[in-house]
Amino acid sequence: MTTDVTGRKAGGPGGINPPASFAHAAAPTPAAPTPAAPVPAAIELRGISKSFGPVRANEDISFFVPKGTIHGIIGENGAGKSTLMSILYGFYRADQGEIVIHGRPAALPDSQAAIRAGIGMVFQHFKLVQNFTVLENIILGAEDGPRLARSLARARKTLADLSREYELEVDPDALVEDLSVGHQQRVEILKALYRDADILILDEPTGVLTPAEADHLFRILRGLRDQGKTILLITHKLREIMEVTDNVSVMRRGRLIDTVATAKTSPAALAELMVGRKVLLNVGKSPATPGETVLSVENLSLSDEQKVERLRSVSLTLRRGEILGIAGVAGNGQSELLSILGGMTRPGEKVSGHVTMGGQPLPITGKAANGKARREAGIAHVPEDRHHHGLILDFTAWENVALGYDDDPRYGRGMLLDNGALREDAARKMQTWDVRPPIHTLAAKNFSGGNQQKIVLAREIEQDPTVLLIGQPTRGVDIGAIEFIHKQIVALRDQGKAILLVSVELDEIMSLSDRIAVMFDGRIMDILDPAQTDEAAIGSLMAGIHPAEGRPAGETPPATSGEA
């Protein structure tokens, strides 16, 4: 009897009993079938368990990864994916279980042991020294000796060879801080390859990439696979799993649920395995019934500290009971638009234009243009970067839930805060938003990225704002949480709130928005009805090309489109 990728007998039960290697089922032919050669396992995990106090992060996990394949690891936030990969990379020690690398048991007490075993890891948040060059980052920790000149010369040649072989071109003398996020990720991959990594772990690698950068990354990963490398891809994006992986393992609440061949499954089936129930992959919402205009932006412009124009005469309106989506490749003015409206401009930035809310002027410069004043005006803001602008990572969950709203009468009077009321409110919000683990005394840095996002969303949305500014609402969030967050955003719209949504996920913009403003080079190219456009048309606008009229970037769009 043949076996599938999980090592189970075909048609057998759902349990997993991973062997040291496995055989692909041979395709039948008119002649007698010939079995395929066994494919050895690059990685085999046997009964891995790990707890953090009372929290069981991994429980009796066993599976294996064939050599020369791309293997997806998916699951909801808090499912234990990152913990498992941290064990494989030597960041954590398993409480029990065994790791086998290329057929040999491996003790991985730290990351140096993992590197010696041929394992490299690219983290969701890069581990690069920003004011070092690419070359200096590559050799950091892998120098030949105290004289750096020799190490740098050897690394320069090796880096050139690796860049050509794997399409990882990057300037070795560029400062990391001057690189795009996509190029910084290439540096992380090159660091691992420079250390002779044969197994590469990538944790949510596209969470900060544009669609074009993500497509290029997939080409790189396929090239690495074709060269015999083994890739472990941790992601919550089912489209990516279906597009680039060979096999996929599904985790839920610390346990391995199943391992399947990607070609033999579907996004809906994987989503159900992840969550334990059927998941609505498309947003269900009724047509919007917009009310009066609550926020009006006229000729808004911004130049940064280097006098580079980031926003160019942006005008738009936002109405009650609608979601206005802002589409565009990252870095085309969306972040600056949110920062002005949210009262988060930086010193040295020059802002001009006019913003009104409810017919009253909203300050965009000076001391009155701050987050506290915005909150008092009824504007809530979920920032794009939760680590730098949405949370204080060393604070507990209950302290973060109160950030910016500590003067709320529910939490105390004057200088005296009612910590009991704050903790009670945080516990309620964490339960409502299914934050895992539901421990309000835990520091924010100890939650997964998706659960950190839920904390920020719960804080802002439950303040009952008139206007919600929301940047990248589902960045790094799993499929079950995405469904929940989308429902909350739509419910807020249906309550008559006005929502400005910025997302690099075009499918998210298309499914949630009632109108879509497309930005390029700091300008609004056009404002569209999602029911009367498609991704190709929006993609052209994102590239600065107006497909219908051939207008060059920067020419004013028709007034009828923007005010629909």
Protein backbone atom coordinates (compact mmCIF):
# COMPACT_ATOMS: atom_id res chain seq x y z
CA MET A 1 0.00 0.00 0.00
CA THR A 2 1.30 3.50 -0.85
CA THR A 3 1.83 6.32 1.63
CA ASP A 4 1.05 10.03 1.45
CA VAL A 5 3.27 12.89 2.64
CA THR A 6 2.36 12.34 6.27
CA GLY A 7 3.75 8.83 6.23
CA ARG A 8 0.26 7.37 6.73
CA LYS A 9 -1.12 4.55 4.65
CA ALA A 10 -3.32 5.88 1.88
CA GLY A 11 -6.91 5.98 3.02
CA GLY A 12 -5.84 5.31 6.60
CA PRO A 13 -6.71 7.21 9.80
CA GLY A 14 -5.77 10.80 10.46
CA GLY A 15 -3.01 10.18 13.03
CA ILE A 16 0.61 10.88 12.13
CA ASN A 17 3.42 8.41 12.66
CA PRO A 18 6.43 9.95 10.90
CA PRO A 19 9.11 7.59 9.60
CA ALA A 20 12.73 8.54 9.05
CA SER A 21 12.00 8.75 5.34
CA PHE A 22 9.04 8.20 3.10
CA ALA A 23 8.20 7.18 -0.44
CA HIS A 24 6.04 9.14 -2.84
CA ALA A 25 3.25 7.09 -4.35
CA ALA A 26 4.23 5.95 -7.84
CA ALA A 27 1.99 6.99 -10.70
CA PRO A 28 0.30 3.92 -12.28
CA THR A 29 1.08 3.11 -15.93
CA PRO A 30 -0.11 0.39 -18.28
CA ALA A 31 3.04 -1.52 -17.37
CA ALA A 32 3.85 -2.71 -13.88
CA PRO A 33 4.33 0.36 -11.63
CA THR A 34 7.83 1.18 -10.45
CA PRO A 35 8.09 2.69 -6.93
CA ALA A 36 9.75 6.10 -6.68
CA ALA A 37 13.05 6.31 -4.87
CA PRO A 38 12.66 7.12 -1.16
CA VAL A 39 13.00 10.80 -0.32
CA PRO A 40 15.06 11.24 2.85
CA ALA A 41 13.81 13.49 5.62
CA ALA A 42 15.79 16.68 6.17
CA ILE A 43 13.98 17.26 9.49
CA GLU A 44 12.11 14.88 11.75
CA LEU A 45 10.46 15.96 15.00
CA ARG A 46 9.45 13.24 17.45
CA GLY A 47 7.10 13.98 20.33
CA ILE A 48 8.14 17.60 20.89
CA SER A 49 6.47 19.28 23.90
CA LYS A 50 7.08 22.69 25.46
CA SER A 51 5.34 24.63 28.24
CA PHE A 52 5.72 28.16 29.58
CA GLY A 53 4.39 27.94 33.11
CA PRO A 54 0.75 26.83 32.82
CA VAL A 55 0.63 27.48 29.06
CA ARG A 56 1.18 24.39 26.90
CA ALA A 57 2.73 25.86 23.73
CA ASN A 58 3.59 22.55 22.01
CA GLU A 59 2.20 19.14 22.87
CA ASP A 60 3.58 15.85 21.50
CA ILE A 61 4.31 17.16 18.00
CA SER A 62 5.70 14.71 15.45
CA PHE A 63 6.20 15.27 11.74
CA PHE A 64 8.95 15.23 9.14
CA VAL A 65 10.02 17.37 6.21
CA PRO A 66 11.41 15.77 3.03
CA LYS A 67 14.73 17.11 1.78
CA GLY A 68 14.49 19.61 -1.06
CA THR A 69 10.89 20.69 -0.41
CA ILE A 70 9.06 23.80 0.74
CA HIS A 71 7.01 22.85 3.80
CA GLY A 72 4.35 25.19 5.15
CA ILE A 73 3.50 25.51 8.85
CA ILE A 74 0.12 27.17 9.42
CA GLY A 75 -2.16 27.75 12.37
CA GLU A 76 -3.92 30.46 14.30
CA ASN A 77 -1.95 32.89 16.43
CA GLY A 78 -1.00 31.09 19.61
CA ALA A 79 -1.11 27.71 17.86
CA GLY A 80 2.56 27.13 18.71
CA LYS A 81 4.16 27.58 15.26
CA SER A 82 6.82 30.09 16.26
CA THR A 83 7.59 28.21 19.49
CA LEU A 84 8.16 25.01 17.53
CA MET A 85 10.47 26.74 15.06
CA SER A 86 12.31 28.44 17.93
CA ILE A 87 12.97 24.99 19.37
CA LEU A 88 14.30 23.81 16.01
CA TYR A 89 16.55 26.88 15.85
CA GLY A 90 17.84 26.42 19.40
CA PHE A 91 16.17 29.46 20.94
CA TYR A 92 14.13 27.26 23.26
CA ARG A 93 14.75 23.78 24.59
CA ALA A 94 11.95 21.28 24.30
CA ASP A 95 10.69 19.83 27.59
CA GLN A 96 10.59 16.45 25.87
CA GLY A 97 11.00 14.93 22.44
CA GLU A 98 13.74 14.44 19.86
CA ILE A 99 14.96 16.35 16.80
CA VAL A 100 16.54 14.43 13.91
CA ILE A 101 18.44 16.30 11.18
CA HIS A 102 19.31 14.37 8.02
CA GLY A 103 18.78 11.07 9.79
CA ARG A 104 20.88 11.86 12.87
CA PRO A 105 19.60 12.89 16.32
CA ALA A 106 20.59 16.52 16.96
CA ALA A 107 21.03 18.31 20.28
CA LEU A 108 20.26 21.99 19.68
CA PRO A 109 20.84 23.80 22.98
CA ASP A 110 21.34 27.17 21.29
CA SER A 111 21.22 28.88 17.91
CA GLN A 112 24.95 28.33 17.31
CA ALA A 113 24.35 24.58 17.50
CA ALA A 114 21.48 24.94 15.05
CA ILE A 115 23.68 26.93 12.64
CA ARG A 116 26.37 24.22 12.88
CA ALA A 117 23.66 21.69 12.03
CA GLY A 118 22.91 23.64 8.84
CA ILE A 119 19.77 25.46 10.02
CA GLY A 120 19.17 29.15 9.32
CA MET A 121 16.22 31.31 10.34
CA VAL A 122 14.77 34.55 8.98
CA PHE A 123 12.62 36.15 11.65
CA GLN A 124 9.46 38.17 11.12
CA HIS A 125 11.26 41.15 12.68
CA PHE A 126 14.75 41.22 11.19
CA LYS A 127 17.88 40.86 13.33
CA LEU A 128 20.06 43.36 11.48
CA VAL A 129 22.28 46.21 12.69
CA GLN A 130 20.77 49.18 10.89
CA ASN A 131 23.90 51.36 10.73
CA PHE A 132 26.12 48.51 9.48
CA THR A 133 26.62 47.75 5.80
CA VAL A 134 25.18 44.64 4.18
CA LEU A 135 28.62 43.03 4.16
CA GLU A 136 29.23 43.82 7.85
CA ASN A 137 25.87 42.30 8.77
CA ILE A 138 26.66 39.17 6.75
CA ILE A 139 29.89 38.40 8.62
CA LEU A 140 28.71 39.50 12.06
CA GLY A 141 29.33 36.55 14.36
CA ALA A 142 31.07 34.56 11.61
CA GLU A 143 34.38 36.44 11.36
CA ASP A 144 37.57 34.52 10.50
CA GLY A 145 39.49 36.24 13.28
CA PRO A 146 40.31 39.62 14.82
CA ARG A 147 41.39 41.11 11.47
CA LEU A 148 38.19 42.00 9.64
CA ALA A 149 39.77 42.80 6.28
CA ARG A 150 40.26 39.10 5.48
CA SER A 151 36.72 38.21 6.57
CA LEU A 152 35.23 41.05 4.54
CA ALA A 153 37.17 40.11 1.40
CA ARG A 154 36.08 36.46 1.61
CA ALA A 155 32.51 37.45 2.38
CA ARG A 156 32.40 39.85 -0.58
CA LYS A 157 33.30 37.08 -3.03
CA THR A 158 30.95 34.55 -1.42
CA LEU A 159 28.15 37.11 -1.32
CA ALA A 160 28.57 37.85 -5.03
CA ASP A 161 28.36 34.13 -5.84
CA LEU A 162 25.28 33.61 -3.66
CA SER A 163 23.57 36.71 -5.06
CA ARG A 164 23.98 35.46 -8.62
CA GLU A 165 23.04 31.87 -7.87
CA TYR A 166 19.83 32.63 -5.93
CA GLU A 167 18.68 35.98 -7.43
CA LEU A 168 19.44 37.77 -4.15
CA GLU A 169 21.07 40.85 -5.62
CA VAL A 170 21.88 43.53 -3.05
CA ASP A 171 24.61 46.18 -2.78
CA PRO A 172 27.16 44.81 -0.26
CA ASP A 173 28.31 48.33 0.68
CA ALA A 174 24.84 49.80 1.30
CA LEU A 175 23.80 50.65 4.83
CA VAL A 176 20.96 48.40 5.97
CA GLU A 177 18.96 51.42 7.15
CA ASP A 178 18.90 52.68 3.56
CA LEU A 179 17.47 49.43 2.14
CA SER A 180 13.83 48.64 1.47
CA VAL A 181 12.21 46.01 3.67
CA GLY A 182 12.37 43.51 0.80
CA HIS A 183 16.11 44.01 0.38
CA GLN A 184 16.67 43.75 4.14
CA GLN A 185 14.97 40.37 3.99
CA ARG A 186 17.38 39.32 1.23
CA VAL A 187 20.25 40.21 3.58
CA GLU A 188 18.78 37.90 6.23
CA ILE A 189 18.54 35.04 3.73
CA LEU A 190 22.10 35.70 2.56
CA LYS A 191 23.30 35.63 6.18
CA ALA A 192 21.90 32.12 6.56
CA LEU A 193 23.30 30.90 3.24
CA TYR A 194 26.71 32.40 4.05
CA ARG A 195 26.73 30.14 7.11
CA ASP A 196 26.06 27.12 4.87
CA ALA A 197 22.43 26.69 5.89
CA ASP A 198 20.85 23.67 4.23
CA ILE A 199 17.54 24.16 6.05
CA LEU A 200 15.95 27.61 6.03
CA ILE A 201 13.11 28.68 8.34
CA LEU A 202 11.13 31.80 7.40
CA ASP A 203 8.68 33.25 9.94
CA GLU A 204 5.86 35.25 8.28
CA PRO A 205 8.24 36.40 5.53
CA THR A 206 5.72 38.43 3.51
CA GLY A 207 4.13 40.31 6.42
CA VAL A 208 6.09 43.46 5.54
CA LEU A 209 6.53 42.97 1.78
CA THR A 210 4.72 44.49 -1.16
CA PRO A 211 2.99 42.06 -3.56
CA ALA A 212 5.85 42.44 -6.05
CA GLU A 213 8.46 41.78 -3.35
CA ALA A 214 6.50 38.74 -2.18
CA ASP A 215 6.40 37.34 -5.72
CA HIS A 216 10.17 37.81 -6.00
CA LEU A 217 10.67 36.06 -2.66
CA PHE A 218 8.68 33.07 -3.92
CA ARG A 219 10.94 32.84 -6.97
CA ILE A 220 13.93 32.87 -4.63
CA LEU A 221 12.44 30.11 -2.47
CA ARG A 222 11.69 27.93 -5.49
CA GLY A 223 15.27 28.44 -6.67
CA LEU A 224 16.60 27.43 -3.26
CA ARG A 225 14.40 24.33 -3.29
CA ASP A 226 15.58 23.41 -6.78
CA GLN A 227 19.16 23.64 -5.50
CA GLY A 228 18.33 21.04 -2.82
CA LYS A 229 17.63 23.37 0.10
CA THR A 230 14.78 22.58 2.48
CA ILE A 231 12.45 25.46 3.35
CA LEU A 232 10.10 25.76 6.33
CA LEU A 233 7.59 28.54 5.73
CA ILE A 234 5.52 29.84 8.66
CA THR A 235 2.62 31.90 7.38
CA HIS A 236 -1.07 32.57 7.92
CA LYS A 237 -1.72 33.42 4.26
CA LEU A 238 -3.41 30.48 2.59
CA ARG A 239 -2.82 31.92 -0.88
CA GLU A 240 0.93 31.74 -0.26
CA ILE A 241 0.67 28.19 1.06
CA MET A 242 -1.18 27.10 -2.07
CA GLU A 243 1.20 28.97 -4.37
CA VAL A 244 4.64 28.02 -3.11
CA THR A 245 4.61 24.98 -0.77
CA ASP A 246 4.85 21.26 -1.53
CA ASN A 247 3.40 20.05 1.78
CA VAL A 248 1.74 21.78 4.72
CA SER A 249 1.35 20.98 8.42
CA VAL A 250 -1.57 22.48 10.33
CA MET A 251 -1.33 23.33 14.04
CA ARG A 252 -4.09 24.23 16.48
CA ARG A 253 -3.72 25.12 20.17
CA GLY A 254 -0.26 23.59 20.47
CA ARG A 255 -1.05 20.33 18.67
CA LEU A 256 -0.35 19.09 15.17
CA ILE A 257 -3.69 18.47 13.46
CA ASP A 258 -2.59 17.13 10.08
CA THR A 259 0.09 17.18 7.38
CA VAL A 260 -1.08 17.09 3.76
CA ALA A 261 0.22 17.47 0.23
CA THR A 262 -0.60 21.00 -0.89
CA ALA A 263 -1.79 19.80 -4.30
CA LYS A 264 -4.39 17.60 -2.60
CA THR A 265 -6.03 20.26 -0.41
CA SER A 266 -7.76 23.65 -0.72
CA PRO A 267 -7.78 26.97 1.15
CA ALA A 268 -11.22 26.18 2.63
CA ALA A 269 -10.07 22.77 3.89
CA LEU A 270 -6.90 24.22 5.44
CA ALA A 271 -8.85 27.04 7.09
CA GLU A 272 -11.22 24.52 8.67
CA LEU A 273 -8.27 22.46 9.97
CA MET A 274 -6.69 25.61 11.44
CA VAL A 275 -9.76 26.87 13.24
CA GLY A 276 -11.73 23.69 13.86
CA ARG A 277 -14.80 24.99 12.05
CA LYS A 278 -15.78 26.27 8.64
CA VAL A 279 -14.37 29.75 7.99
CA LEU A 280 -15.86 32.47 5.81
CA LEU A 281 -12.95 33.34 3.50
CA ASN A 282 -14.84 36.20 1.83
CA VAL A 283 -16.25 39.14 3.76
CA GLY A 284 -20.03 39.01 4.00
CA LYS A 285 -21.50 42.51 4.10
CA SER A 286 -24.57 44.33 2.85
CA PRO A 287 -24.28 47.39 0.59
CA ALA A 288 -23.28 50.55 2.45
CA THR A 289 -25.78 53.29 3.17
CA PRO A 290 -23.45 56.29 3.63
CA GLY A 291 -24.61 59.33 5.57
CA GLU A 292 -23.19 62.80 5.78
CA THR A 293 -19.52 63.64 5.37
CA VAL A 294 -17.70 63.57 8.73
CA LEU A 295 -14.09 63.99 7.59
CA SER A 296 -12.94 66.15 4.69
CA VAL A 297 -9.36 66.44 3.42
CA GLU A 298 -8.38 69.17 0.96
CA ASN A 299 -5.01 69.57 -0.80
CA LEU A 300 -3.09 67.81 1.95
CA SER A 301 0.67 67.76 1.36
CA LEU A 302 3.65 66.67 3.43
CA SER A 303 7.41 67.02 2.97
CA ASP A 304 9.74 65.04 5.23
CA GLU A 305 12.84 66.18 7.10
CA GLN A 306 14.92 65.86 3.89
CA LYS A 307 12.34 68.03 2.06
CA VAL A 308 11.15 65.07 0.01
CA GLU A 309 7.48 65.46 -0.90
CA ARG A 310 5.61 62.42 0.44
CA LEU A 311 2.02 63.65 0.03
CA ARG A 312 0.96 65.75 -2.95
CA SER A 313 -2.33 67.68 -2.76
CA VAL A 314 -4.45 64.77 -1.50
CA SER A 315 -8.20 65.43 -1.32
CA LEU A 316 -10.89 63.01 -0.16
CA THR A 317 -14.06 62.77 1.90
CA LEU A 318 -15.12 60.16 4.42
CA ARG A 319 -18.78 59.59 5.25
CA ARG A 320 -20.71 57.94 8.05
CA GLY A 321 -21.46 54.30 7.43
CA GLU A 322 -18.77 53.63 4.85
CA ILE A 323 -15.31 52.09 4.55
CA LEU A 324 -12.93 54.05 2.34
CA GLY A 325 -10.00 51.81 1.44
CA ILE A 326 -6.59 53.20 0.49
CA ALA A 327 -4.78 50.89 -1.95
CA GLY A 328 -1.18 51.25 -3.03
CA VAL A 329 2.29 49.79 -2.79
CA ALA A 330 3.84 50.63 0.59
CA GLY A 331 5.73 53.92 0.57
CA ASN A 332 3.38 55.89 -1.67
CA GLY A 333 2.00 58.27 0.95
CA GLN A 334 -0.50 56.07 2.80
CA SER A 335 1.51 56.11 6.04
CA GLU A 336 1.93 59.88 5.92
CA LEU A 337 -1.80 60.34 5.36
CA LEU A 338 -2.57 58.25 8.45
CA SER A 339 0.07 60.05 10.52
CA ILE A 340 -1.42 63.49 9.77
CA LEU A 341 -5.00 62.41 10.43
CA GLY A 342 -3.94 60.54 13.57
CA GLY A 343 -1.90 63.44 14.98
CA MET A 344 1.43 61.64 14.67
CA THR A 345 3.55 63.83 12.40
CA ARG A 346 7.23 64.09 13.29
CA PRO A 347 9.28 67.22 14.03
CA GLY A 348 10.79 68.58 10.84
CA GLU A 349 7.94 67.49 8.61
CA LYS A 350 6.19 70.30 6.74
CA VAL A 351 2.42 69.86 6.38
CA SER A 352 -0.05 72.00 4.43
CA GLY A 353 -3.70 71.74 3.43
CA HIS A 354 -6.99 71.62 5.28
CA VAL A 355 -8.80 68.91 7.27
CA THR A 356 -12.26 69.31 8.78
CA MET A 357 -14.28 66.98 10.98
CA GLY A 358 -17.98 67.54 11.36
CA GLY A 359 -17.49 70.86 9.61
CA GLN A 360 -14.94 72.09 12.18
CA PRO A 361 -11.25 72.62 11.32
CA LEU A 362 -8.94 69.86 12.55
CA PRO A 363 -5.41 71.15 13.34
CA ILE A 364 -2.70 69.50 11.23
CA THR A 365 0.27 71.47 12.61
CA GLY A 366 1.34 72.73 16.01
CA LYS A 367 0.77 71.42 19.51
CA ALA A 368 -2.95 70.90 18.96
CA ALA A 369 -2.25 68.31 16.24
CA ASN A 370 -1.63 65.39 18.58
CA GLY A 371 -3.10 61.99 19.35
CA LYS A 372 -4.85 63.09 22.54
CA ALA A 373 -6.70 65.87 20.71
CA ARG A 374 -7.66 63.42 17.97
CA ARG A 375 -9.10 60.97 20.49
CA GLU A 376 -11.08 63.76 22.14
CA ALA A 377 -12.46 64.66 18.69
CA GLY A 378 -13.72 61.10 18.25
CA ILE A 379 -10.92 59.71 16.06
CA ALA A 380 -9.46 56.32 17.00
CA HIS A 381 -6.25 55.16 15.33
CA VAL A 382 -4.89 51.63 14.81
CA PRO A 383 -1.36 52.40 13.57
CA GLU A 384 0.40 50.37 10.89
CA ASP A 385 3.39 49.54 13.11
CA ARG A 386 2.01 48.07 16.32
CA HIS A 387 5.46 47.63 17.88
CA HIS A 388 6.57 51.24 17.57
CA HIS A 389 3.28 53.13 17.66
CA GLY A 390 0.58 50.82 19.02
CA LEU A 391 2.08 49.13 22.08
CA ILE A 392 4.69 49.50 24.79
CA LEU A 393 6.07 45.98 24.59
CA ASP A 394 7.40 45.85 28.15
CA PHE A 395 4.01 46.91 29.57
CA THR A 396 1.41 44.30 30.47
CA ALA A 397 -1.65 43.67 28.33
CA TRP A 398 -3.92 45.54 30.76
CA GLU A 399 -1.62 48.57 30.74
CA ASN A 400 -1.59 48.58 26.93
CA VAL A 401 -5.36 48.32 26.75
CA ALA A 402 -5.54 51.64 28.64
CA LEU A 403 -2.86 53.48 26.64
CA GLY A 404 -4.12 56.90 25.58
CA TYR A 405 -7.38 56.47 27.45
CA ASP A 406 -6.09 56.54 31.03
CA ASP A 407 -8.07 59.76 31.68
CA ASP A 408 -11.35 57.93 31.00
CA PRO A 409 -13.59 58.38 34.09
CA ARG A 410 -14.16 54.61 34.13
CA TYR A 411 -10.50 54.12 35.05
CA GLY A 412 -10.25 56.63 37.90
CA ARG A 413 -10.17 60.32 38.72
CA GLY A 414 -7.36 62.82 38.19
CA MET A 415 -3.94 61.39 39.01
CA LEU A 416 -5.37 58.29 40.68
CA LEU A 417 -6.06 55.26 38.50
CA ASP A 418 -8.30 52.39 39.50
CA ASN A 419 -6.02 49.49 38.57
CA GLY A 420 -8.72 47.00 39.44
CA ALA A 421 -11.10 48.59 36.94
CA LEU A 422 -8.35 48.69 34.32
CA ARG A 423 -7.56 44.99 34.78
CA GLU A 424 -11.23 44.04 34.72
CA ASP A 425 -11.80 46.03 31.53
CA ALA A 426 -8.71 44.48 29.89
CA ALA A 427 -9.81 40.96 30.84
CA ARG A 428 -13.24 41.57 29.29
CA LYS A 429 -11.78 42.94 26.07
CA MET A 430 -9.28 40.11 25.80
CA GLN A 431 -12.09 37.59 26.16
CA THR A 432 -14.27 39.39 23.59
CA TRP A 433 -11.42 39.58 21.11
CA ASP A 434 -10.15 36.04 21.84
CA VAL A 435 -6.65 37.17 22.80
CA ARG A 436 -4.46 34.12 23.52
CA PRO A 437 -3.35 33.44 26.14
CA PRO A 438 -6.08 35.41 27.98
CA ILE A 439 -3.64 36.58 30.68
CA HIS A 440 -3.91 40.35 31.15
CA THR A 441 -0.83 40.44 33.41
CA LEU A 442 1.42 39.09 30.63
CA ALA A 443 3.79 41.57 28.97
CA ALA A 444 2.77 42.58 25.44
CA LYS A 445 6.10 41.35 24.04
CA ASN A 446 5.20 37.79 25.06
CA PHE A 447 2.10 37.64 22.83
CA SER A 448 2.27 36.54 19.20
CA GLY A 449 2.02 39.28 16.56
CA GLY A 450 -1.62 38.55 15.82
CA ASN A 451 -2.62 38.66 19.48
CA GLN A 452 -0.72 41.91 19.92
CA GLN A 453 -2.80 43.28 17.04
CA LYS A 454 -6.01 42.14 18.74
CA ILE A 455 -5.02 44.09 21.86
CA VAL A 456 -4.59 47.29 19.81
CA LEU A 457 -7.82 46.74 17.88
CA ALA A 458 -9.80 46.02 21.06
CA ARG A 459 -8.48 49.21 22.70
CA GLU A 460 -9.35 51.48 19.77
CA ILE A 461 -12.56 49.97 18.40
CA GLU A 462 -14.25 49.60 21.79
CA GLN A 463 -13.90 53.34 22.44
CA ASP A 464 -16.90 53.85 20.11
CA PRO A 465 -15.15 56.37 17.83
CA THR A 466 -16.85 58.48 15.18
CA VAL A 467 -13.92 57.91 12.79
CA LEU A 468 -11.62 54.90 12.80
CA LEU A 469 -8.23 55.16 11.09
CA ILE A 470 -6.91 51.66 10.64
CA GLY A 471 -3.56 50.71 9.12
CA GLN A 472 -2.78 47.12 8.10
CA PRO A 473 -5.49 45.62 10.37
CA THR A 474 -4.59 41.98 9.67
CA ARG A 475 -0.80 42.16 9.22
CA GLY A 476 0.62 39.00 10.79
CA VAL A 477 -2.86 37.77 11.78
CA ASP A 478 -4.16 34.22 11.21
CA ILE A 479 -7.16 33.23 9.13
CA GLY A 480 -9.60 32.80 12.01
CA ALA A 481 -8.65 36.15 13.53
CA ILE A 482 -8.85 37.84 10.11
CA GLU A 483 -12.47 36.69 9.77
CA PHE A 484 -13.23 38.05 13.25
CA ILE A 485 -11.49 41.39 12.64
CA HIS A 486 -13.22 41.89 9.30
CA LYS A 487 -16.61 41.25 10.91
CA GLN A 488 -15.85 43.84 13.60
CA ILE A 489 -14.86 46.45 11.01
CA VAL A 490 -18.03 45.84 8.98
CA ALA A 491 -20.15 45.92 12.16
CA LEU A 492 -18.62 49.29 13.04
CA ARG A 493 -19.51 50.58 9.58
CA ASP A 494 -23.07 49.33 9.99
CA GLN A 495 -23.30 51.30 13.25
CA GLY A 496 -22.72 54.45 11.22
CA LYS A 497 -19.00 54.89 11.89
CA ALA A 498 -16.66 56.28 9.23
CA ILE A 499 -13.64 54.05 8.53
CA LEU A 500 -10.46 54.88 6.64
CA LEU A 501 -8.68 51.59 5.87
CA VAL A 502 -5.06 51.33 4.69
CA SER A 503 -3.83 47.89 3.66
CA VAL A 504 -1.21 46.44 1.32
CA GLU A 505 -3.44 43.35 0.99
CA LEU A 506 -5.34 44.11 -2.20
CA ASP A 507 -7.90 41.35 -1.63
CA GLU A 508 -8.62 42.86 1.79
CA ILE A 509 -9.14 46.30 0.26
CA MET A 510 -11.39 44.86 -2.45
CA SER A 511 -13.58 42.85 -0.09
CA LEU A 512 -13.96 45.39 2.75
CA SER A 513 -14.12 48.76 1.00
CA ASP A 514 -17.20 50.62 -0.17
CA ARG A 515 -14.92 52.98 -2.13
CA ILE A 516 -11.25 52.54 -3.02
CA ALA A 517 -8.75 55.40 -3.32
CA VAL A 518 -5.58 54.29 -5.13
CA MET A 519 -2.35 56.09 -4.23
CA PHE A 520 0.86 56.42 -6.20
CA ASP A 521 3.81 58.70 -5.49
CA GLY A 522 1.92 60.61 -2.81
CA ARG A 523 -1.12 61.32 -5.02
CA ILE A 524 -4.58 59.83 -5.29
CA MET A 525 -4.77 58.39 -8.79
CA ASP A 526 -8.50 57.69 -8.67
CA ILE A 527 -11.35 56.78 -6.32
CA LEU A 528 -13.28 53.72 -7.47
CA ASP A 529 -16.36 51.65 -6.78
CA PRO A 530 -15.08 48.11 -6.00
CA ALA A 531 -18.15 46.61 -7.69
CA GLN A 532 -17.16 48.28 -10.96
CA THR A 533 -13.42 47.58 -11.05
CA ASP A 534 -10.99 44.68 -10.72
CA GLU A 535 -7.51 43.94 -9.37
CA ALA A 536 -5.88 44.51 -12.77
CA ALA A 537 -7.25 48.04 -13.03
CA ILE A 538 -6.26 48.84 -9.45
CA GLY A 539 -2.81 47.31 -10.05
CA SER A 540 -2.26 49.65 -13.01
CA LEU A 541 -3.20 52.65 -10.89
CA MET A 542 -0.85 51.44 -8.15
CA ALA A 543 1.94 51.50 -10.77
CA GLY A 544 1.06 55.06 -11.77
CA ILE A 545 -0.85 54.22 -14.94
CA HIS A 546 -4.48 55.16 -15.47
CA PRO A 547 -5.77 52.25 -17.62
CA ALA A 548 -9.02 53.84 -18.81
CA GLU A 549 -7.74 57.20 -19.98
CA GLY A 550 -3.98 56.86 -20.16
CA ARG A 551 -3.57 59.80 -17.79
CA PRO A 552 -0.05 60.25 -16.45
CA ALA A 553 0.56 59.98 -12.70
CA GLY A 554 -0.36 63.16 -10.89
CA GLU A 555 -3.15 64.39 -13.17
CA THR A 556 -6.33 65.12 -11.24
CA PRO A 557 -8.91 62.28 -11.34
CA PRO A 558 -12.51 63.01 -12.33
CA ALA A 559 -14.47 64.69 -9.54
CA THR A 560 -17.44 62.35 -10.06
CA SER A 561 -15.33 59.32 -9.16
CA GLY A 562 -13.97 60.74 -5.91
CA GLU A 563 -17.33 61.93 -4.63
CA ALA A 564 -19.37 58.85 -5.55
